[in-house]
């Protein structure tokens, strides 16, 4: 007599461009895999494997980010760089900038 056990098969993760970008950005900013896994909502080993496939690496130890040009023109409303900084760590993180619609 045999007993049949049901085993839950894990769901395949459908990675989004937002998640991939977040993994690459956070790793380039020297974030730990644990921190990135928490931000993306997966396990540490899952995000390590995804990061390996994306080529997400730590910056070299002597890396110095280029200084921002103080003479550059202002960025437009909703620019990816500024919108990302504003929404980082909030429920809006990864969401596109809401373009205002004029009221008539």
PDB file of N, CA and C in Angstrom:
ATOM      1  N   UNK A   1       0.842  -1.169   0.000  1.00  0.00           N
ATOM      2  CA  UNK A   1       0.000   0.000   0.000  1.00  0.00           C
ATOM      3  C   UNK A   1       0.893   1.239   0.000  1.00  0.00           C
ATOM      4  N   UNK A   2       0.590   2.166  -0.887  1.00  0.00           N
ATOM      5  CA  UNK A   2       1.356   3.399  -1.011  1.00  0.00           C
ATOM      6  C   UNK A   2       0.499   4.578  -0.611  1.00  0.00           C
ATOM      7  N   UNK A   3       1.143   5.558   0.024  1.00  0.00           N
ATOM      8  CA  UNK A   3       0.464   6.810   0.356  1.00  0.00           C
ATOM      9  C   UNK A   3       0.997   7.885  -0.580  1.00  0.00           C
ATOM     10  N   UNK A   4       0.113   8.613  -1.160  1.00  0.00           N
ATOM     11  CA  UNK A   4       0.506   9.683  -2.067  1.00  0.00           C
ATOM     12  C   UNK A   4       0.531  10.990  -1.276  1.00  0.00           C
ATOM     13  N   UNK A   5       1.664  11.640  -1.331  1.00  0.00           N
ATOM     14  CA  UNK A   5       1.803  12.928  -0.649  1.00  0.00           C
ATOM     15  C   UNK A   5       1.720  14.045  -1.676  1.00  0.00           C
ATOM     16  N   UNK A   6       1.002  15.056  -1.322  1.00  0.00           N
ATOM     17  CA  UNK A   6       0.942  16.222  -2.197  1.00  0.00           C
ATOM     18  C   UNK A   6       2.045  17.178  -1.790  1.00  0.00           C
ATOM     19  N   UNK A   7       2.802  17.610  -2.773  1.00  0.00           N
ATOM     20  CA  UNK A   7       3.892  18.541  -2.529  1.00  0.00           C
ATOM     21  C   UNK A   7       3.597  19.823  -3.284  1.00  0.00           C
ATOM     22  N   UNK A   8       3.680  20.923  -2.572  1.00  0.00           N
ATOM     23  CA  UNK A   8       3.425  22.211  -3.212  1.00  0.00           C
ATOM     24  C   UNK A   8       4.620  22.579  -4.093  1.00  0.00           C
ATOM     25  N   UNK A   9       4.347  22.803  -5.346  1.00  0.00           N
ATOM     26  CA  UNK A   9       5.394  23.207  -6.275  1.00  0.00           C
ATOM     27  C   UNK A   9       5.526  24.726  -6.188  1.00  0.00           C
ATOM     28  N   UNK A  10       6.751  25.221  -5.975  1.00  0.00           N
ATOM     29  CA  UNK A  10       6.896  26.672  -5.874  1.00  0.00           C
ATOM     30  C   UNK A  10       6.510  27.357  -7.182  1.00  0.00           C
ATOM     31  N   UNK A  11       5.916  28.539  -7.052  1.00  0.00           N
ATOM     32  CA  UNK A  11       5.522  29.308  -8.229  1.00  0.00           C
ATOM     33  C   UNK A  11       6.762  29.903  -8.887  1.00  0.00           C
ATOM     34  N   UNK A  12       6.730  29.971 -10.175  1.00  0.00           N
ATOM     35  CA  UNK A  12       7.811  30.599 -10.936  1.00  0.00           C
ATOM     36  C   UNK A  12       7.667  32.107 -10.776  1.00  0.00           C
ATOM     37  N   UNK A  13       8.764  32.765 -10.459  1.00  0.00           N
ATOM     38  CA  UNK A  13       8.729  34.220 -10.285  1.00  0.00           C
ATOM     39  C   UNK A  13       8.764  34.891 -11.647  1.00  0.00           C
ATOM     40  N   UNK A  14       7.834  35.780 -11.863  1.00  0.00           N
ATOM     41  CA  UNK A  14       7.812  36.587 -13.086  1.00  0.00           C
ATOM     42  C   UNK A  14       8.514  37.903 -12.751  1.00  0.00           C
ATOM     43  N   UNK A  15       9.793  38.000 -13.089  1.00  0.00           N
ATOM     44  CA  UNK A  15      10.580  39.186 -12.766  1.00  0.00           C
ATOM     45  C   UNK A  15      10.145  40.354 -13.629  1.00  0.00           C
ATOM     46  N   UNK A  16      10.082  41.535 -13.014  1.00  0.00           N
ATOM     47  CA  UNK A  16       9.718  42.743 -13.743  1.00  0.00           C
ATOM     48  C   UNK A  16      10.961  43.587 -13.979  1.00  0.00           C
ATOM     49  N   UNK A  17      10.851  44.496 -14.908  1.00  0.00           N
ATOM     50  CA  UNK A  17      11.961  45.414 -15.188  1.00  0.00           C
ATOM     51  C   UNK A  17      12.256  46.281 -13.962  1.00  0.00           C
ATOM     52  N   UNK A  18      11.219  46.640 -13.224  1.00  0.00           N
ATOM     53  CA  UNK A  18      11.395  47.446 -12.009  1.00  0.00           C
ATOM     54  C   UNK A  18      12.225  46.677 -10.985  1.00  0.00           C
ATOM     55  N   UNK A  19      11.906  45.396 -10.778  1.00  0.00           N
ATOM     56  CA  UNK A  19      12.670  44.585  -9.831  1.00  0.00           C
ATOM     57  C   UNK A  19      14.124  44.427 -10.283  1.00  0.00           C
ATOM     58  N   UNK A  20      14.316  44.147 -11.570  1.00  0.00           N
ATOM     59  CA  UNK A  20      15.675  43.988 -12.088  1.00  0.00           C
ATOM     60  C   UNK A  20      16.489  45.267 -11.916  1.00  0.00           C
ATOM     61  N   UNK A  21      15.881  46.392 -12.211  1.00  0.00           N
ATOM     62  CA  UNK A  21      16.566  47.682 -12.060  1.00  0.00           C
ATOM     63  C   UNK A  21      16.910  47.932 -10.602  1.00  0.00           C
ATOM     64  N   UNK A  22      15.974  47.609  -9.715  1.00  0.00           N
ATOM     65  CA  UNK A  22      16.205  47.811  -8.287  1.00  0.00           C
ATOM     66  C   UNK A  22      17.365  46.941  -7.799  1.00  0.00           C
ATOM     67  N   UNK A  23      17.403  45.682  -8.246  1.00  0.00           N
ATOM     68  CA  UNK A  23      18.486  44.780  -7.853  1.00  0.00           C
ATOM     69  C   UNK A  23      19.827  45.339  -8.308  1.00  0.00           C
ATOM     70  N   UNK A  24      19.915  45.735  -9.574  1.00  0.00           N
ATOM     71  CA  UNK A  24      21.181  46.257 -10.110  1.00  0.00           C
ATOM     72  C   UNK A  24      21.584  47.553  -9.419  1.00  0.00           C
ATOM     73  N   UNK A  25      20.618  48.461  -9.204  1.00  0.00           N
ATOM     74  CA  UNK A  25      20.918  49.747  -8.575  1.00  0.00           C
ATOM     75  C   UNK A  25      21.382  49.555  -7.134  1.00  0.00           C
ATOM     76  N   UNK A  26      20.634  48.757  -6.383  1.00  0.00           N
ATOM     77  CA  UNK A  26      20.987  48.574  -4.973  1.00  0.00           C
ATOM     78  C   UNK A  26      22.338  47.879  -4.821  1.00  0.00           C
ATOM     79  N   UNK A  27      22.631  46.911  -5.681  1.00  0.00           N
ATOM     80  CA  UNK A  27      23.924  46.221  -5.592  1.00  0.00           C
ATOM     81  C   UNK A  27      25.051  47.186  -5.961  1.00  0.00           C
ATOM     82  N   UNK A  28      24.827  48.029  -6.962  1.00  0.00           N
ATOM     83  CA  UNK A  28      25.838  49.027  -7.351  1.00  0.00           C
ATOM     84  C   UNK A  28      26.065  50.038  -6.233  1.00  0.00           C
ATOM     85  N   UNK A  29      25.049  50.218  -5.369  1.00  0.00           N
ATOM     86  CA  UNK A  29      25.171  51.129  -4.219  1.00  0.00           C
ATOM     87  C   UNK A  29      25.695  50.391  -2.988  1.00  0.00           C
ATOM     88  N   UNK A  30      26.203  49.170  -3.178  1.00  0.00           N
ATOM     89  CA  UNK A  30      26.814  48.345  -2.126  1.00  0.00           C
ATOM     90  C   UNK A  30      25.829  47.785  -1.113  1.00  0.00           C
ATOM     91  N   UNK A  31      24.559  47.645  -1.489  1.00  0.00           N
ATOM     92  CA  UNK A  31      23.576  47.054  -0.581  1.00  0.00           C
ATOM     93  C   UNK A  31      23.839  45.558  -0.446  1.00  0.00           C
ATOM     94  N   UNK A  32      23.547  45.003   0.736  1.00  0.00           N
ATOM     95  CA  UNK A  32      23.727  43.564   0.957  1.00  0.00           C
ATOM     96  C   UNK A  32      22.601  42.802   0.261  1.00  0.00           C
ATOM     97  N   UNK A  33      22.847  41.516   0.012  1.00  0.00           N
ATOM     98  CA  UNK A  33      21.814  40.689  -0.604  1.00  0.00           C
ATOM     99  C   UNK A  33      20.586  40.596   0.294  1.00  0.00           C
ATOM    100  N   UNK A  34      20.784  40.574   1.608  1.00  0.00           N
ATOM    101  CA  UNK A  34      19.644  40.530   2.531  1.00  0.00           C
ATOM    102  C   UNK A  34      18.765  41.764   2.376  1.00  0.00           C
ATOM    103  N   UNK A  35      19.395  42.925   2.281  1.00  0.00           N
ATOM    104  CA  UNK A  35      18.653  44.180   2.127  1.00  0.00           C
ATOM    105  C   UNK A  35      17.902  44.203   0.800  1.00  0.00           C
ATOM    106  N   UNK A  36      18.575  43.766  -0.251  1.00  0.00           N
ATOM    107  CA  UNK A  36      17.946  43.748  -1.577  1.00  0.00           C
ATOM    108  C   UNK A  36      16.780  42.764  -1.597  1.00  0.00           C
ATOM    109  N   UNK A  37      16.970  41.587  -0.998  1.00  0.00           N
ATOM    110  CA  UNK A  37      15.895  40.581  -0.957  1.00  0.00           C
ATOM    111  C   UNK A  37      14.661  41.128  -0.261  1.00  0.00           C
ATOM    112  N   UNK A  38      14.875  41.841   0.835  1.00  0.00           N
ATOM    113  CA  UNK A  38      13.747  42.435   1.559  1.00  0.00           C
ATOM    114  C   UNK A  38      13.040  43.484   0.709  1.00  0.00           C
ATOM    115  N   UNK A  39      13.820  44.314   0.001  1.00  0.00           N
ATOM    116  CA  UNK A  39      13.239  45.374  -0.831  1.00  0.00           C
ATOM    117  C   UNK A  39      12.449  44.809  -2.010  1.00  0.00           C
ATOM    118  N   UNK A  40      12.910  43.686  -2.559  1.00  0.00           N
ATOM    119  CA  UNK A  40      12.262  43.088  -3.724  1.00  0.00           C
ATOM    120  C   UNK A  40      11.151  42.127  -3.313  1.00  0.00           C
ATOM    121  N   UNK A  41      11.225  41.602  -2.082  1.00  0.00           N
ATOM    122  CA  UNK A  41      10.172  40.716  -1.591  1.00  0.00           C
ATOM    123  C   UNK A  41      10.383  39.250  -1.916  1.00  0.00           C
ATOM    124  N   UNK A  42      11.664  38.835  -1.988  1.00  0.00           N
ATOM    125  CA  UNK A  42      11.982  37.430  -2.237  1.00  0.00           C
ATOM    126  C   UNK A  42      13.033  36.979  -1.225  1.00  0.00           C
ATOM    127  N   UNK A  43      13.421  35.705  -1.292  1.00  0.00           N
ATOM    128  CA  UNK A  43      14.437  35.215  -0.372  1.00  0.00           C
ATOM    129  C   UNK A  43      15.826  35.673  -0.821  1.00  0.00           C
ATOM    130  N   UNK A  44      16.756  35.582   0.116  1.00  0.00           N
ATOM    131  CA  UNK A  44      18.142  35.989  -0.159  1.00  0.00           C
ATOM    132  C   UNK A  44      18.719  35.191  -1.327  1.00  0.00           C
ATOM    133  N   UNK A  45      18.538  33.871  -1.314  1.00  0.00           N
ATOM    134  CA  UNK A  45      19.120  33.035  -2.368  1.00  0.00           C
ATOM    135  C   UNK A  45      18.469  33.284  -3.709  1.00  0.00           C
ATOM    136  N   UNK A  46      17.192  33.612  -3.719  1.00  0.00           N
ATOM    137  CA  UNK A  46      16.506  33.922  -4.971  1.00  0.00           C
ATOM    138  C   UNK A  46      17.069  35.186  -5.589  1.00  0.00           C
ATOM    139  N   UNK A  47      17.278  36.216  -4.757  1.00  0.00           N
ATOM    140  CA  UNK A  47      17.794  37.474  -5.289  1.00  0.00           C
ATOM    141  C   UNK A  47      19.272  37.350  -5.678  1.00  0.00           C
ATOM    142  N   UNK A  48      20.026  36.512  -4.975  1.00  0.00           N
ATOM    143  CA  UNK A  48      21.427  36.283  -5.358  1.00  0.00           C
ATOM    144  C   UNK A  48      21.480  35.655  -6.751  1.00  0.00           C
ATOM    145  N   UNK A  49      20.646  34.649  -6.977  1.00  0.00           N
ATOM    146  CA  UNK A  49      20.629  33.991  -8.282  1.00  0.00           C
ATOM    147  C   UNK A  49      20.196  34.969  -9.377  1.00  0.00           C
ATOM    148  N   UNK A  50      19.169  35.781  -9.106  1.00  0.00           N
ATOM    149  CA  UNK A  50      18.716  36.747 -10.110  1.00  0.00           C
ATOM    150  C   UNK A  50      19.808  37.789 -10.360  1.00  0.00           C
ATOM    151  N   UNK A  51      20.437  38.252  -9.297  1.00  0.00           N
ATOM    152  CA  UNK A  51      21.521  39.221  -9.442  1.00  0.00           C
ATOM    153  C   UNK A  51      22.669  38.661 -10.256  1.00  0.00           C
ATOM    154  N   UNK A  52      22.999  37.392 -10.062  1.00  0.00           N
ATOM    155  CA  UNK A  52      24.060  36.752 -10.845  1.00  0.00           C
ATOM    156  C   UNK A  52      23.690  36.731 -12.321  1.00  0.00           C
ATOM    157  N   UNK A  53      22.445  36.406 -12.626  1.00  0.00           N
ATOM    158  CA  UNK A  53      22.007  36.371 -14.023  1.00  0.00           C
ATOM    159  C   UNK A  53      22.003  37.757 -14.664  1.00  0.00           C
ATOM    160  N   UNK A  54      21.719  38.785 -13.846  1.00  0.00           N
ATOM    161  CA  UNK A  54      21.700  40.164 -14.354  1.00  0.00           C
ATOM    162  C   UNK A  54      23.091  40.783 -14.426  1.00  0.00           C
ATOM    163  N   UNK A  55      24.058  40.144 -13.767  1.00  0.00           N
ATOM    164  CA  UNK A  55      25.396  40.724 -13.713  1.00  0.00           C
ATOM    165  C   UNK A  55      25.492  41.843 -12.688  1.00  0.00           C
ATOM    166  N   UNK A  56      24.630  41.829 -11.677  1.00  0.00           N
ATOM    167  CA  UNK A  56      24.635  42.860 -10.626  1.00  0.00           C
ATOM    168  C   UNK A  56      25.839  42.619  -9.717  1.00  0.00           C
ATOM    169  N   UNK A  57      26.729  43.578  -9.682  1.00  0.00           N
ATOM    170  CA  UNK A  57      27.953  43.422  -8.912  1.00  0.00           C
ATOM    171  C   UNK A  57      28.182  44.626  -8.007  1.00  0.00           C
ATOM    172  N   UNK A  58      28.988  44.387  -6.980  1.00  0.00           N
ATOM    173  CA  UNK A  58      29.422  45.488  -6.126  1.00  0.00           C
ATOM    174  C   UNK A  58      30.388  46.366  -6.907  1.00  0.00           C
ATOM    175  N   UNK A  59      30.413  47.658  -6.624  1.00  0.00           N
ATOM    176  CA  UNK A  59      31.402  48.508  -7.280  1.00  0.00           C
ATOM    177  C   UNK A  59      32.796  48.163  -6.763  1.00  0.00           C
ATOM    178  N   UNK A  60      33.851  48.447  -7.553  1.00  0.00           N
ATOM    179  CA  UNK A  60      35.206  48.194  -7.073  1.00  0.00           C
ATOM    180  C   UNK A  60      35.463  48.975  -5.781  1.00  0.00           C
ATOM    181  N   UNK A  61      36.359  48.469  -4.909  1.00  0.00           N
ATOM    182  CA  UNK A  61      36.610  49.139  -3.626  1.00  0.00           C
ATOM    183  C   UNK A  61      37.056  50.592  -3.758  1.00  0.00           C
ATOM    184  N   UNK A  62      37.737  50.918  -4.842  1.00  0.00           N
ATOM    185  CA  UNK A  62      38.232  52.290  -5.013  1.00  0.00           C
ATOM    186  C   UNK A  62      37.301  53.167  -5.852  1.00  0.00           C
ATOM    187  N   UNK A  63      36.059  52.692  -6.093  1.00  0.00           N
ATOM    188  CA  UNK A  63      35.111  53.433  -6.925  1.00  0.00           C
ATOM    189  C   UNK A  63      34.662  54.713  -6.232  1.00  0.00           C
ATOM    190  N   UNK A  64      34.720  55.802  -6.947  1.00  0.00           N
ATOM    191  CA  UNK A  64      34.196  57.090  -6.487  1.00  0.00           C
ATOM    192  C   UNK A  64      33.201  57.575  -7.522  1.00  0.00           C
ATOM    193  N   UNK A  65      31.921  57.735  -7.150  1.00  0.00           N
ATOM    194  CA  UNK A  65      30.953  58.201  -8.141  1.00  0.00           C
ATOM    195  C   UNK A  65      31.331  59.598  -8.622  1.00  0.00           C
ATOM    196  N   UNK A  66      31.072  59.890  -9.895  1.00  0.00           N
ATOM    197  CA  UNK A  66      31.412  61.215 -10.407  1.00  0.00           C
ATOM    198  C   UNK A  66      30.608  62.291  -9.685  1.00  0.00           C
ATOM    199  N   UNK A  67      31.238  63.422  -9.487  1.00  0.00           N
ATOM    200  CA  UNK A  67      30.551  64.536  -8.841  1.00  0.00           C
ATOM    201  C   UNK A  67      29.518  65.118  -9.793  1.00  0.00           C
ATOM    202  N   UNK A  68      28.416  65.562  -9.223  1.00  0.00           N
ATOM    203  CA  UNK A  68      27.365  66.149 -10.034  1.00  0.00           C
ATOM    204  C   UNK A  68      27.779  67.546 -10.465  1.00  0.00           C
ATOM    205  N   UNK A  69      27.482  67.884 -11.698  1.00  0.00           N
ATOM    206  CA  UNK A  69      27.825  69.198 -12.241  1.00  0.00           C
ATOM    207  C   UNK A  69      26.883  70.252 -11.650  1.00  0.00           C
ATOM    208  N   UNK A  70      27.412  71.200 -10.865  1.00  0.00           N
ATOM    209  CA  UNK A  70      26.538  72.215 -10.272  1.00  0.00           C
ATOM    210  C   UNK A  70      25.943  73.177 -11.306  1.00  0.00           C
ATOM    211  N   UNK A  71      26.481  73.167 -12.507  1.00  0.00           N
ATOM    212  CA  UNK A  71      26.001  74.069 -13.560  1.00  0.00           C
ATOM    213  C   UNK A  71      24.979  73.419 -14.493  1.00  0.00           C
ATOM    214  N   UNK A  72      24.627  72.172 -14.232  1.00  0.00           N
ATOM    215  CA  UNK A  72      23.668  71.511 -15.121  1.00  0.00           C
ATOM    216  C   UNK A  72      22.289  72.143 -14.969  1.00  0.00           C
ATOM    217  N   UNK A  73      21.487  72.116 -16.021  1.00  0.00           N
ATOM    218  CA  UNK A  73      20.127  72.679 -15.907  1.00  0.00           C
ATOM    219  C   UNK A  73      19.263  71.817 -14.992  1.00  0.00           C
ATOM    220  N   UNK A  74      18.203  72.386 -14.475  1.00  0.00           N
ATOM    221  CA  UNK A  74      17.275  71.665 -13.599  1.00  0.00           C
ATOM    222  C   UNK A  74      16.630  70.513 -14.370  1.00  0.00           C
ATOM    223  N   UNK A  75      16.334  69.426 -13.649  1.00  0.00           N
ATOM    224  CA  UNK A  75      15.666  68.285 -14.261  1.00  0.00           C
ATOM    225  C   UNK A  75      14.165  68.537 -14.306  1.00  0.00           C
ATOM    226  N   UNK A  76      13.518  67.987 -15.312  1.00  0.00           N
ATOM    227  CA  UNK A  76      12.067  68.173 -15.478  1.00  0.00           C
ATOM    228  C   UNK A  76      11.303  67.448 -14.374  1.00  0.00           C
ATOM    229  N   UNK A  77      10.092  67.890 -14.118  1.00  0.00           N
ATOM    230  CA  UNK A  77       9.231  67.221 -13.140  1.00  0.00           C
ATOM    231  C   UNK A  77       9.064  65.764 -13.529  1.00  0.00           C
ATOM    232  N   UNK A  78       9.214  64.878 -12.550  1.00  0.00           N
ATOM    233  CA  UNK A  78       9.032  63.460 -12.796  1.00  0.00           C
ATOM    234  C   UNK A  78      10.227  62.778 -13.443  1.00  0.00           C
ATOM    235  N   UNK A  79      11.351  63.466 -13.568  1.00  0.00           N
ATOM    236  CA  UNK A  79      12.548  62.847 -14.139  1.00  0.00           C
ATOM    237  C   UNK A  79      12.857  61.585 -13.346  1.00  0.00           C
ATOM    238  N   UNK A  80      13.289  60.522 -14.042  1.00  0.00           N
ATOM    239  CA  UNK A  80      13.527  59.233 -13.379  1.00  0.00           C
ATOM    240  C   UNK A  80      14.444  59.358 -12.179  1.00  0.00           C
ATOM    241  N   UNK A  81      15.483  60.167 -12.290  1.00  0.00           N
ATOM    242  CA  UNK A  81      16.447  60.290 -11.190  1.00  0.00           C
ATOM    243  C   UNK A  81      15.792  60.918  -9.952  1.00  0.00           C
ATOM    244  N   UNK A  82      15.122  62.049 -10.128  1.00  0.00           N
ATOM    245  CA  UNK A  82      14.544  62.722  -8.966  1.00  0.00           C
ATOM    246  C   UNK A  82      13.304  61.996  -8.449  1.00  0.00           C
ATOM    247  N   UNK A  83      12.472  61.490  -9.336  1.00  0.00           N
ATOM    248  CA  UNK A  83      11.273  60.774  -8.900  1.00  0.00           C
ATOM    249  C   UNK A  83      11.674  59.525  -8.117  1.00  0.00           C
ATOM    250  N   UNK A  84      12.737  58.851  -8.570  1.00  0.00           N
ATOM    251  CA  UNK A  84      13.224  57.668  -7.858  1.00  0.00           C
ATOM    252  C   UNK A  84      13.706  57.998  -6.456  1.00  0.00           C
ATOM    253  N   UNK A  85      14.385  59.127  -6.312  1.00  0.00           N
ATOM    254  CA  UNK A  85      14.869  59.545  -4.995  1.00  0.00           C
ATOM    255  C   UNK A  85      13.693  59.894  -4.080  1.00  0.00           C
ATOM    256  N   UNK A  86      12.720  60.579  -4.624  1.00  0.00           N
ATOM    257  CA  UNK A  86      11.559  61.004  -3.833  1.00  0.00           C
ATOM    258  C   UNK A  86      10.753  59.795  -3.348  1.00  0.00           C
ATOM    259  N   UNK A  87      10.588  58.796  -4.203  1.00  0.00           N
ATOM    260  CA  UNK A  87       9.718  57.674  -3.872  1.00  0.00           C
ATOM    261  C   UNK A  87      10.434  56.490  -3.235  1.00  0.00           C
ATOM    262  N   UNK A  88      11.761  56.504  -3.179  1.00  0.00           N
ATOM    263  CA  UNK A  88      12.513  55.365  -2.634  1.00  0.00           C
ATOM    264  C   UNK A  88      12.057  55.066  -1.207  1.00  0.00           C
ATOM    265  N   UNK A  89      11.730  53.805  -0.961  1.00  0.00           N
ATOM    266  CA  UNK A  89      11.326  53.376   0.367  1.00  0.00           C
ATOM    267  C   UNK A  89       9.873  53.670   0.701  1.00  0.00           C
ATOM    268  N   UNK A  90       9.106  54.139  -0.281  1.00  0.00           N
ATOM    269  CA  UNK A  90       7.687  54.409  -0.049  1.00  0.00           C
ATOM    270  C   UNK A  90       6.846  53.423  -0.860  1.00  0.00           C
ATOM    271  N   UNK A  91       5.536  53.499  -0.693  1.00  0.00           N
ATOM    272  CA  UNK A  91       4.656  52.614  -1.456  1.00  0.00           C
ATOM    273  C   UNK A  91       4.630  52.987  -2.942  1.00  0.00           C
ATOM    274  N   UNK A  92       5.161  54.161  -3.296  1.00  0.00           N
ATOM    275  CA  UNK A  92       5.208  54.585  -4.696  1.00  0.00           C
ATOM    276  C   UNK A  92       6.473  54.133  -5.415  1.00  0.00           C
ATOM    277  N   UNK A  93       7.404  53.517  -4.689  1.00  0.00           N
ATOM    278  CA  UNK A  93       8.663  53.105  -5.309  1.00  0.00           C
ATOM    279  C   UNK A  93       8.393  52.178  -6.485  1.00  0.00           C
ATOM    280  N   UNK A  94       9.030  52.481  -7.609  1.00  0.00           N
ATOM    281  CA  UNK A  94       8.866  51.682  -8.817  1.00  0.00           C
ATOM    282  C   UNK A  94       7.685  52.082  -9.676  1.00  0.00           C
ATOM    283  N   UNK A  95       6.863  52.994  -9.187  1.00  0.00           N
ATOM    284  CA  UNK A  95       5.703  53.458  -9.949  1.00  0.00           C
ATOM    285  C   UNK A  95       6.122  54.618 -10.847  1.00  0.00           C
ATOM    286  N   UNK A  96       5.497  54.742 -12.025  1.00  0.00           N
ATOM    287  CA  UNK A  96       5.836  55.868 -12.891  1.00  0.00           C
ATOM    288  C   UNK A  96       5.314  57.179 -12.308  1.00  0.00           C
ATOM    289  N   UNK A  97       5.937  58.260 -12.718  1.00  0.00           N
ATOM    290  CA  UNK A  97       5.515  59.598 -12.280  1.00  0.00           C
ATOM    291  C   UNK A  97       4.103  59.873 -12.793  1.00  0.00           C
ATOM    292  N   UNK A  98       3.187  60.305 -11.909  1.00  0.00           N
ATOM    293  CA  UNK A  98       1.817  60.596 -12.375  1.00  0.00           C
ATOM    294  C   UNK A  98       1.774  61.946 -13.087  1.00  0.00           C
ATOM    295  N   UNK A  99       1.567  61.909 -14.372  1.00  0.00           N
ATOM    296  CA  UNK A  99       1.538  63.146 -15.158  1.00  0.00           C
ATOM    297  C   UNK A  99       0.231  63.871 -14.877  1.00  0.00           C
ATOM    298  N   UNK A 100       0.339  65.134 -14.418  1.00  0.00           N
ATOM    299  CA  UNK A 100      -0.875  65.874 -14.081  1.00  0.00           C
ATOM    300  C   UNK A 100      -1.723  66.161 -15.331  1.00  0.00           C
ATOM    301  N   UNK A 101      -3.026  66.079 -15.150  1.00  0.00           N
ATOM    302  CA  UNK A 101      -3.950  66.364 -16.242  1.00  0.00           C
ATOM    303  C   UNK A 101      -4.627  67.692 -15.908  1.00  0.00           C
ATOM    304  N   UNK A 102      -4.553  68.676 -16.833  1.00  0.00           N
ATOM    305  CA  UNK A 102      -5.191  69.965 -16.546  1.00  0.00           C
ATOM    306  C   UNK A 102      -6.700  69.823 -16.407  1.00  0.00           C
ATOM    307  N   UNK A 103      -7.245  70.559 -15.460  1.00  0.00           N
ATOM    308  CA  UNK A 103      -8.694  70.567 -15.227  1.00  0.00           C
ATOM    309  C   UNK A 103      -9.303  71.699 -16.035  1.00  0.00           C
ATOM    310  N   UNK A 104     -10.387  71.419 -16.695  1.00  0.00           N
ATOM    311  CA  UNK A 104     -11.042  72.451 -17.527  1.00  0.00           C
ATOM    312  C   UNK A 104     -12.257  72.976 -16.847  1.00  0.00           C
TER     313      UNK A 104
END
